[in-house]
Every structure is written in structure tokens, then in C-alpha cells.
Amino acid sequence: MPSFDIVSEVDSAELLNASQNTEREITNRYDFRNVDTEIKFANDIITLQAESDFQVQQLLDVLRAQLVKRKVDPLTMDFNNEPTHRGKAFFVEVRFKQGIDKDLARKITKLIKDSKMKVQAQIQGDQVRVTGKKRDDLQAAMQLLRESNLEQPIQFKNFRD
């Protein structure tokens, strides 16, 4: 029976590359000359530090642009809009959503069931397995999910006939 898995993953290597490219771009920008900035990457968390909250917001914009260049969807970013102030610096920790949480998984399964397609969706941990009798039905389900407005980017893996 044909099936595929719906997952939400972010490649750690791409996050590292995006953080390094952000750091490289900041060193070349005129508005960041003589400004104490720091970009750290550890455990899939990017920490941005600057002297003012406006500069932290600019760091976020540069990071977002670098993520797009590396083909990582910025919707995976999870951070507090207000930078944290400690000492002379402002910080923002950017975390990245990994896996599909239960609410989104329920929303995906409900969306598939409401479409009246001849496929079944099952929640399996942090992913959703979709099975059906025909390959065309599975591809129609993929198209439905691509067109729907989910709050998190999804990928399709393990497409089996």
C-alpha cells in the first residue's frame, strides 16, 4: 500500500552556515562598524547579541535573509519579539521548530479527512503517516497540504509504492 510521511525538519548544517554567513555579512556592513555584536550557534539555537534592540532586529533580518538563501523557511524560527537586556547588551535566542506538534498533526489529519480523499492519516510521534490505495490520491493529498496555510513548513519523506 503506497504511503508517505509528513515531517518538519531543519538541517543543522544549514543553520550553522546561515549563522556564519550572517556574521560575515555583519562584519562588512558600515552601520555595524565599531559595534559589539556576537552571533553564537549551539544545539540548533542561534543567539544574537548587539548593543541596542534596533541592531538586534537588524541582525534578525540579516539572519532571515541568510536562511532564505540556504533554503530554510523562516517560519521555522521561534523567538521572542522583545530582545532581552542584560548588562550593556541585548540578546535574542532563535530556536527552530523541529517535528510536528500534536495540535498541528491533528489539524493535518482533520484537513485530510475533511477533503474526502481516499487516504488515511495517522499521527506517529512527531510525524504524520498518510496511506492510500493509489499513488495519485497521495499526490493529491500532498498538493492539498502544500496549498493549505499551516503555521509551520512541512516536508514529505519516505514516499513508498
N, C-alpha and C. Protein backbone atom coordinates (compact mmCIF):
# COMPACT_ATOMS: atom_id res chain seq x y z
N MET A 1 0.85 -1.18 0.00
CA MET A 1 0.00 0.00 0.00
C MET A 1 0.90 1.25 0.00
N PRO A 2 0.72 2.17 -0.95
CA PRO A 2 1.57 3.37 -1.00
C PRO A 2 1.37 4.26 0.23
N SER A 3 2.46 4.90 0.66
CA SER A 3 2.39 5.79 1.81
C SER A 3 3.51 6.82 1.75
N PHE A 4 3.37 7.85 2.57
CA PHE A 4 4.44 8.83 2.77
C PHE A 4 4.29 9.43 4.15
N ASP A 5 5.38 10.04 4.62
CA ASP A 5 5.40 10.67 5.94
C ASP A 5 5.46 12.18 5.79
N ILE A 6 4.73 12.88 6.65
CA ILE A 6 4.78 14.34 6.71
C ILE A 6 5.62 14.69 7.93
N VAL A 7 6.72 15.40 7.71
CA VAL A 7 7.63 15.77 8.79
C VAL A 7 7.92 17.27 8.70
N SER A 8 8.55 17.78 9.74
CA SER A 8 9.04 19.15 9.75
C SER A 8 10.44 19.12 10.36
N GLU A 9 11.44 19.25 9.50
CA GLU A 9 12.83 19.16 9.95
C GLU A 9 13.62 20.35 9.42
N VAL A 10 14.64 20.73 10.18
CA VAL A 10 15.57 21.77 9.77
C VAL A 10 16.97 21.18 9.87
N ASP A 11 17.76 21.34 8.80
CA ASP A 11 19.10 20.79 8.75
C ASP A 11 20.04 21.66 9.60
N SER A 12 20.73 21.05 10.56
CA SER A 12 21.64 21.78 11.45
C SER A 12 22.80 22.40 10.68
N ALA A 13 23.28 21.72 9.65
CA ALA A 13 24.39 22.26 8.87
C ALA A 13 23.99 23.55 8.17
N GLU A 14 22.75 23.62 7.69
CA GLU A 14 22.27 24.84 7.04
C GLU A 14 22.13 25.97 8.05
N LEU A 15 21.73 25.64 9.28
CA LEU A 15 21.64 26.67 10.32
C LEU A 15 23.02 27.22 10.66
N LEU A 16 24.00 26.33 10.75
CA LEU A 16 25.38 26.75 11.02
C LEU A 16 25.88 27.65 9.90
N ASN A 17 25.64 27.24 8.64
CA ASN A 17 26.07 28.06 7.51
C ASN A 17 25.39 29.42 7.51
N ALA A 18 24.10 29.46 7.80
CA ALA A 18 23.38 30.73 7.83
C ALA A 18 23.91 31.64 8.93
N SER A 19 24.24 31.08 10.11
CA SER A 19 24.76 31.92 11.20
C SER A 19 26.15 32.44 10.84
N GLN A 20 26.99 31.61 10.21
CA GLN A 20 28.32 32.07 9.81
C GLN A 20 28.24 33.12 8.71
N ASN A 21 27.33 32.95 7.76
CA ASN A 21 27.15 33.95 6.71
C ASN A 21 26.62 35.26 7.27
N THR A 22 25.75 35.18 8.26
CA THR A 22 25.24 36.39 8.92
C THR A 22 26.39 37.13 9.59
N GLU A 23 27.23 36.40 10.29
CA GLU A 23 28.38 37.01 10.96
C GLU A 23 29.31 37.68 9.94
N ARG A 24 29.54 37.00 8.82
CA ARG A 24 30.41 37.54 7.77
C ARG A 24 29.81 38.81 7.17
N GLU A 25 28.50 38.81 6.95
CA GLU A 25 27.86 39.99 6.37
C GLU A 25 27.87 41.17 7.34
N ILE A 26 27.70 40.91 8.61
CA ILE A 26 27.69 41.98 9.61
C ILE A 26 29.06 42.65 9.70
N THR A 27 30.13 41.87 9.59
CA THR A 27 31.48 42.47 9.66
C THR A 27 31.74 43.40 8.48
N ASN A 28 31.02 43.21 7.37
CA ASN A 28 31.23 44.05 6.19
C ASN A 28 30.29 45.24 6.11
N ARG A 29 29.29 45.30 6.97
CA ARG A 29 28.32 46.39 6.89
C ARG A 29 28.82 47.63 7.61
N TYR A 30 28.57 48.79 6.98
CA TYR A 30 29.04 50.05 7.53
C TYR A 30 28.32 50.42 8.82
N ASP A 31 27.02 50.15 8.90
CA ASP A 31 26.26 50.52 10.09
C ASP A 31 26.61 49.68 11.31
N PHE A 32 27.40 48.61 11.14
CA PHE A 32 27.83 47.80 12.27
C PHE A 32 29.31 47.97 12.58
N ARG A 33 29.95 49.01 12.03
CA ARG A 33 31.35 49.28 12.34
C ARG A 33 31.44 49.76 13.79
N ASN A 34 32.42 49.27 14.52
CA ASN A 34 32.67 49.63 15.92
C ASN A 34 31.47 49.32 16.82
N VAL A 35 30.67 48.33 16.44
CA VAL A 35 29.54 47.88 17.25
C VAL A 35 29.85 46.47 17.74
N ASP A 36 29.66 46.27 19.02
CA ASP A 36 29.95 44.96 19.61
C ASP A 36 28.77 44.03 19.32
N THR A 37 28.96 43.12 18.36
CA THR A 37 27.93 42.14 18.03
C THR A 37 28.52 40.74 18.19
N GLU A 38 27.64 39.80 18.47
CA GLU A 38 28.08 38.42 18.60
C GLU A 38 26.95 37.51 18.12
N ILE A 39 27.34 36.49 17.34
CA ILE A 39 26.39 35.50 16.84
C ILE A 39 26.94 34.13 17.22
N LYS A 40 26.19 33.41 18.06
CA LYS A 40 26.63 32.08 18.51
C LYS A 40 25.64 31.03 18.04
N PHE A 41 26.18 29.87 17.65
CA PHE A 41 25.35 28.75 17.24
C PHE A 41 25.71 27.55 18.11
N ALA A 42 24.72 27.01 18.83
CA ALA A 42 24.94 25.82 19.66
C ALA A 42 23.61 25.10 19.84
N ASN A 43 23.61 23.79 19.65
CA ASN A 43 22.43 22.94 19.86
C ASN A 43 21.20 23.44 19.10
N ASP A 44 21.39 23.81 17.84
CA ASP A 44 20.31 24.31 16.98
C ASP A 44 19.65 25.57 17.52
N ILE A 45 20.40 26.35 18.29
CA ILE A 45 19.93 27.64 18.80
C ILE A 45 20.95 28.70 18.38
N ILE A 46 20.46 29.76 17.74
CA ILE A 46 21.33 30.86 17.35
C ILE A 46 21.06 32.02 18.30
N THR A 47 22.11 32.48 18.97
CA THR A 47 22.00 33.60 19.90
C THR A 47 22.58 34.85 19.23
N LEU A 48 21.77 35.89 19.14
CA LEU A 48 22.19 37.15 18.54
C LEU A 48 22.36 38.18 19.65
N GLN A 49 23.47 38.91 19.63
CA GLN A 49 23.75 39.91 20.66
C GLN A 49 24.24 41.18 19.99
N ALA A 50 23.72 42.32 20.45
CA ALA A 50 24.16 43.63 19.95
C ALA A 50 23.99 44.66 21.06
N GLU A 51 24.42 45.89 20.76
CA GLU A 51 24.39 46.95 21.77
C GLU A 51 23.01 47.58 21.95
N SER A 52 22.14 47.47 20.93
CA SER A 52 20.80 48.05 21.06
C SER A 52 19.77 47.08 20.49
N ASP A 53 18.52 47.30 20.88
CA ASP A 53 17.47 46.41 20.39
C ASP A 53 17.24 46.59 18.89
N PHE A 54 17.44 47.79 18.36
CA PHE A 54 17.31 48.02 16.93
C PHE A 54 18.35 47.21 16.15
N GLN A 55 19.56 47.15 16.67
CA GLN A 55 20.61 46.38 16.00
C GLN A 55 20.32 44.88 16.06
N VAL A 56 19.72 44.43 17.15
CA VAL A 56 19.33 43.01 17.24
C VAL A 56 18.26 42.70 16.19
N GLN A 57 17.33 43.63 16.00
CA GLN A 57 16.31 43.43 14.97
C GLN A 57 16.94 43.37 13.58
N GLN A 58 17.97 44.20 13.35
CA GLN A 58 18.67 44.14 12.06
C GLN A 58 19.41 42.82 11.91
N LEU A 59 19.99 42.32 12.99
CA LEU A 59 20.64 41.01 12.94
C LEU A 59 19.63 39.93 12.58
N LEU A 60 18.43 40.02 13.15
CA LEU A 60 17.37 39.06 12.82
C LEU A 60 17.00 39.12 11.34
N ASP A 61 16.93 40.34 10.80
CA ASP A 61 16.60 40.47 9.38
C ASP A 61 17.68 39.86 8.50
N VAL A 62 18.95 40.09 8.85
CA VAL A 62 20.05 39.52 8.08
C VAL A 62 20.03 37.99 8.19
N LEU A 63 19.79 37.47 9.40
CA LEU A 63 19.72 36.03 9.59
C LEU A 63 18.57 35.43 8.77
N ARG A 64 17.43 36.11 8.77
CA ARG A 64 16.27 35.64 8.00
C ARG A 64 16.62 35.58 6.51
N ALA A 65 17.31 36.59 6.01
CA ALA A 65 17.71 36.61 4.60
C ALA A 65 18.70 35.48 4.30
N GLN A 66 19.62 35.21 5.22
CA GLN A 66 20.58 34.13 5.01
C GLN A 66 19.89 32.77 5.05
N LEU A 67 18.88 32.63 5.90
CA LEU A 67 18.13 31.37 5.94
C LEU A 67 17.40 31.13 4.62
N VAL A 68 16.84 32.19 4.05
CA VAL A 68 16.15 32.05 2.78
C VAL A 68 17.15 31.63 1.69
N LYS A 69 18.34 32.22 1.70
CA LYS A 69 19.36 31.84 0.73
C LYS A 69 19.76 30.36 0.87
N ARG A 70 19.73 29.85 2.10
CA ARG A 70 20.10 28.46 2.36
C ARG A 70 18.90 27.52 2.23
N LYS A 71 17.77 28.05 1.74
CA LYS A 71 16.53 27.28 1.53
C LYS A 71 15.96 26.70 2.83
N VAL A 72 16.07 27.49 3.90
CA VAL A 72 15.43 27.15 5.17
C VAL A 72 14.30 28.16 5.36
N ASP A 73 13.10 27.66 5.56
CA ASP A 73 11.94 28.52 5.69
C ASP A 73 12.01 29.32 7.00
N PRO A 74 11.90 30.66 6.93
CA PRO A 74 11.95 31.47 8.15
C PRO A 74 10.80 31.20 9.12
N LEU A 75 9.74 30.51 8.67
CA LEU A 75 8.65 30.18 9.59
C LEU A 75 9.09 29.20 10.67
N THR A 76 10.22 28.54 10.48
CA THR A 76 10.72 27.62 11.49
C THR A 76 11.33 28.36 12.68
N MET A 77 11.62 29.65 12.49
CA MET A 77 12.23 30.44 13.57
C MET A 77 11.23 30.67 14.69
N ASP A 78 11.69 30.49 15.92
CA ASP A 78 10.86 30.71 17.09
C ASP A 78 11.67 31.57 18.07
N PHE A 79 11.25 32.82 18.25
CA PHE A 79 11.99 33.74 19.12
C PHE A 79 11.05 34.74 19.74
N ASN A 80 11.53 35.39 20.80
CA ASN A 80 10.78 36.43 21.48
C ASN A 80 10.97 37.73 20.72
N ASN A 81 9.89 38.45 20.42
CA ASN A 81 10.00 39.70 19.65
C ASN A 81 10.73 40.79 20.41
N GLU A 82 10.68 40.76 21.72
CA GLU A 82 11.37 41.76 22.52
C GLU A 82 12.73 41.20 22.96
N PRO A 83 13.83 41.83 22.56
CA PRO A 83 15.15 41.35 23.00
C PRO A 83 15.33 41.47 24.51
N THR A 84 16.08 40.53 25.06
CA THR A 84 16.39 40.54 26.49
C THR A 84 17.58 41.45 26.73
N HIS A 85 17.49 42.29 27.76
CA HIS A 85 18.56 43.23 28.06
C HIS A 85 19.33 42.74 29.29
N ARG A 86 20.63 42.48 29.09
CA ARG A 86 21.50 42.09 30.20
C ARG A 86 22.77 42.90 30.12
N GLY A 87 23.06 43.66 31.16
CA GLY A 87 24.27 44.48 31.15
C GLY A 87 24.20 45.54 30.07
N LYS A 88 25.22 45.56 29.20
CA LYS A 88 25.26 46.55 28.13
C LYS A 88 24.75 46.00 26.80
N ALA A 89 24.24 44.80 26.80
CA ALA A 89 23.89 44.17 25.52
C ALA A 89 22.43 43.69 25.51
N PHE A 90 21.92 43.54 24.32
CA PHE A 90 20.60 42.97 24.08
C PHE A 90 20.78 41.61 23.41
N PHE A 91 19.97 40.62 23.82
CA PHE A 91 20.07 39.26 23.32
C PHE A 91 18.74 38.80 22.75
N VAL A 92 18.84 37.93 21.75
CA VAL A 92 17.68 37.20 21.26
C VAL A 92 18.14 35.78 20.97
N GLU A 93 17.42 34.82 21.53
CA GLU A 93 17.70 33.41 21.23
C GLU A 93 16.70 32.95 20.19
N VAL A 94 17.22 32.47 19.06
CA VAL A 94 16.38 31.99 17.98
C VAL A 94 16.42 30.47 18.00
N ARG A 95 15.28 29.87 18.30
CA ARG A 95 15.15 28.41 18.27
C ARG A 95 14.45 28.03 16.98
N PHE A 96 14.59 26.79 16.60
CA PHE A 96 13.99 26.33 15.35
C PHE A 96 13.06 25.16 15.63
N LYS A 97 11.87 25.22 15.05
CA LYS A 97 10.86 24.19 15.28
C LYS A 97 11.28 22.91 14.57
N GLN A 98 11.35 21.83 15.34
CA GLN A 98 11.68 20.51 14.81
C GLN A 98 10.51 19.59 15.12
N GLY A 99 10.06 18.85 14.14
CA GLY A 99 8.96 17.92 14.36
C GLY A 99 7.61 18.62 14.32
N ILE A 100 6.59 17.82 14.23
CA ILE A 100 5.22 18.32 14.18
C ILE A 100 4.58 18.10 15.55
N ASP A 101 4.12 19.18 16.17
CA ASP A 101 3.48 19.02 17.48
C ASP A 101 2.07 18.45 17.31
N LYS A 102 1.46 18.05 18.41
CA LYS A 102 0.18 17.34 18.37
C LYS A 102 -0.94 18.18 17.74
N ASP A 103 -0.96 19.48 18.04
CA ASP A 103 -2.02 20.33 17.50
C ASP A 103 -1.94 20.42 15.98
N LEU A 104 -0.74 20.62 15.47
CA LEU A 104 -0.57 20.70 14.02
C LEU A 104 -0.86 19.35 13.37
N ALA A 105 -0.47 18.25 14.02
CA ALA A 105 -0.75 16.92 13.49
C ALA A 105 -2.26 16.68 13.42
N ARG A 106 -2.99 17.11 14.44
CA ARG A 106 -4.45 16.97 14.42
C ARG A 106 -5.06 17.81 13.30
N LYS A 107 -4.51 19.01 13.11
CA LYS A 107 -5.01 19.89 12.06
C LYS A 107 -4.78 19.26 10.68
N ILE A 108 -3.61 18.64 10.48
CA ILE A 108 -3.30 17.99 9.20
C ILE A 108 -4.24 16.81 8.95
N THR A 109 -4.43 15.97 9.98
CA THR A 109 -5.31 14.81 9.80
C THR A 109 -6.76 15.25 9.56
N LYS A 110 -7.20 16.29 10.24
CA LYS A 110 -8.56 16.80 10.04
C LYS A 110 -8.71 17.36 8.63
N LEU A 111 -7.69 18.07 8.16
CA LEU A 111 -7.72 18.63 6.81
C LEU A 111 -7.84 17.54 5.76
N ILE A 112 -7.09 16.45 5.96
CA ILE A 112 -7.13 15.33 5.00
C ILE A 112 -8.48 14.62 5.06
N LYS A 113 -9.01 14.41 6.27
CA LYS A 113 -10.30 13.72 6.39
C LYS A 113 -11.44 14.56 5.85
N ASP A 114 -11.38 15.88 6.05
CA ASP A 114 -12.44 16.76 5.56
C ASP A 114 -12.44 16.88 4.04
N SER A 115 -11.30 16.57 3.41
CA SER A 115 -11.22 16.68 1.95
C SER A 115 -11.90 15.52 1.24
N LYS A 116 -12.29 14.48 1.99
CA LYS A 116 -12.97 13.30 1.46
C LYS A 116 -12.13 12.52 0.45
N MET A 117 -10.80 12.62 0.58
CA MET A 117 -9.92 11.84 -0.29
C MET A 117 -9.87 10.40 0.22
N LYS A 118 -9.46 9.50 -0.67
CA LYS A 118 -9.39 8.09 -0.29
C LYS A 118 -8.02 7.77 0.28
N VAL A 119 -7.64 8.51 1.33
CA VAL A 119 -6.38 8.28 2.04
C VAL A 119 -6.65 8.35 3.53
N GLN A 120 -5.78 7.71 4.30
CA GLN A 120 -5.88 7.75 5.75
C GLN A 120 -4.64 8.41 6.31
N ALA A 121 -4.81 9.19 7.37
CA ALA A 121 -3.70 9.86 8.03
C ALA A 121 -3.64 9.39 9.47
N GLN A 122 -2.41 9.04 9.92
CA GLN A 122 -2.20 8.60 11.29
C GLN A 122 -1.07 9.41 11.91
N ILE A 123 -1.26 9.81 13.15
CA ILE A 123 -0.21 10.53 13.87
C ILE A 123 0.74 9.50 14.46
N GLN A 124 2.04 9.64 14.16
CA GLN A 124 3.06 8.74 14.70
C GLN A 124 4.18 9.57 15.31
N GLY A 125 4.03 9.89 16.58
CA GLY A 125 5.05 10.69 17.27
C GLY A 125 5.05 12.11 16.74
N ASP A 126 6.19 12.55 16.20
CA ASP A 126 6.28 13.91 15.68
C ASP A 126 6.17 13.95 14.15
N GLN A 127 5.49 12.97 13.58
CA GLN A 127 5.23 12.95 12.14
C GLN A 127 3.85 12.37 11.88
N VAL A 128 3.39 12.52 10.64
CA VAL A 128 2.08 12.01 10.25
C VAL A 128 2.29 11.09 9.05
N ARG A 129 1.77 9.87 9.13
CA ARG A 129 1.85 8.92 8.02
C ARG A 129 0.54 8.94 7.26
N VAL A 130 0.63 9.06 5.94
CA VAL A 130 -0.54 9.08 5.08
C VAL A 130 -0.46 7.86 4.16
N THR A 131 -1.51 7.04 4.15
CA THR A 131 -1.56 5.85 3.29
C THR A 131 -2.80 5.89 2.43
N GLY A 132 -2.69 5.26 1.27
CA GLY A 132 -3.82 5.19 0.35
C GLY A 132 -3.59 4.08 -0.65
N LYS A 133 -4.63 3.75 -1.42
CA LYS A 133 -4.50 2.66 -2.38
C LYS A 133 -3.84 3.10 -3.67
N LYS A 134 -4.03 4.36 -4.06
CA LYS A 134 -3.48 4.85 -5.31
C LYS A 134 -2.45 5.95 -5.08
N ARG A 135 -1.44 5.94 -5.92
CA ARG A 135 -0.38 6.94 -5.85
C ARG A 135 -0.94 8.33 -6.15
N ASP A 136 -1.90 8.41 -7.07
CA ASP A 136 -2.50 9.70 -7.43
C ASP A 136 -3.23 10.33 -6.25
N ASP A 137 -3.86 9.52 -5.43
CA ASP A 137 -4.55 10.05 -4.24
C ASP A 137 -3.55 10.66 -3.26
N LEU A 138 -2.39 9.99 -3.11
CA LEU A 138 -1.36 10.52 -2.22
C LEU A 138 -0.81 11.83 -2.75
N GLN A 139 -0.60 11.92 -4.05
CA GLN A 139 -0.10 13.17 -4.64
C GLN A 139 -1.13 14.29 -4.51
N ALA A 140 -2.41 13.96 -4.59
CA ALA A 140 -3.45 14.96 -4.38
C ALA A 140 -3.45 15.44 -2.93
N ALA A 141 -3.20 14.52 -2.00
CA ALA A 141 -3.10 14.91 -0.58
C ALA A 141 -1.90 15.83 -0.36
N MET A 142 -0.77 15.53 -1.01
CA MET A 142 0.41 16.40 -0.91
C MET A 142 0.08 17.80 -1.43
N GLN A 143 -0.60 17.86 -2.56
CA GLN A 143 -0.95 19.16 -3.13
C GLN A 143 -1.89 19.93 -2.22
N LEU A 144 -2.83 19.25 -1.61
CA LEU A 144 -3.75 19.89 -0.66
C LEU A 144 -2.98 20.50 0.51
N LEU A 145 -2.01 19.76 1.04
CA LEU A 145 -1.23 20.25 2.18
C LEU A 145 -0.31 21.40 1.78
N ARG A 146 0.22 21.36 0.56
CA ARG A 146 1.07 22.47 0.10
C ARG A 146 0.27 23.76 -0.01
N GLU A 147 -0.98 23.65 -0.45
CA GLU A 147 -1.82 24.83 -0.65
C GLU A 147 -2.44 25.33 0.65
N SER A 148 -2.50 24.49 1.67
CA SER A 148 -3.12 24.92 2.93
C SER A 148 -2.16 25.83 3.70
N ASN A 149 -2.73 26.64 4.56
CA ASN A 149 -1.94 27.60 5.32
C ASN A 149 -1.62 27.01 6.69
N LEU A 150 -0.51 26.29 6.77
CA LEU A 150 -0.06 25.73 8.04
C LEU A 150 0.95 26.68 8.65
N GLU A 151 1.00 26.75 9.98
CA GLU A 151 1.89 27.70 10.64
C GLU A 151 3.33 27.23 10.69
N GLN A 152 3.62 26.11 10.06
CA GLN A 152 4.97 25.54 10.09
C GLN A 152 5.23 24.86 8.75
N PRO A 153 6.43 25.01 8.19
CA PRO A 153 6.71 24.32 6.92
C PRO A 153 6.81 22.81 7.13
N ILE A 154 6.37 22.08 6.12
CA ILE A 154 6.39 20.63 6.21
C ILE A 154 7.12 20.06 5.00
N GLN A 155 7.65 18.86 5.17
CA GLN A 155 8.30 18.12 4.08
C GLN A 155 7.64 16.75 3.99
N PHE A 156 7.79 16.15 2.82
CA PHE A 156 7.24 14.82 2.57
C PHE A 156 8.41 13.86 2.41
N LYS A 157 8.42 12.79 3.20
CA LYS A 157 9.52 11.81 3.18
C LYS A 157 8.96 10.41 2.98
N ASN A 158 9.84 9.49 2.62
CA ASN A 158 9.54 8.06 2.54
C ASN A 158 8.34 7.74 1.67
N PHE A 159 8.30 8.34 0.48
CA PHE A 159 7.20 8.04 -0.44
C PHE A 159 7.43 6.63 -0.98
N ARG A 160 6.53 5.71 -0.63
CA ARG A 160 6.68 4.30 -1.00
C ARG A 160 5.48 3.86 -1.82
N ASP A 161 5.78 3.02 -2.79
CA ASP A 161 4.69 2.41 -3.59
C ASP A 161 4.25 1.11 -3.01
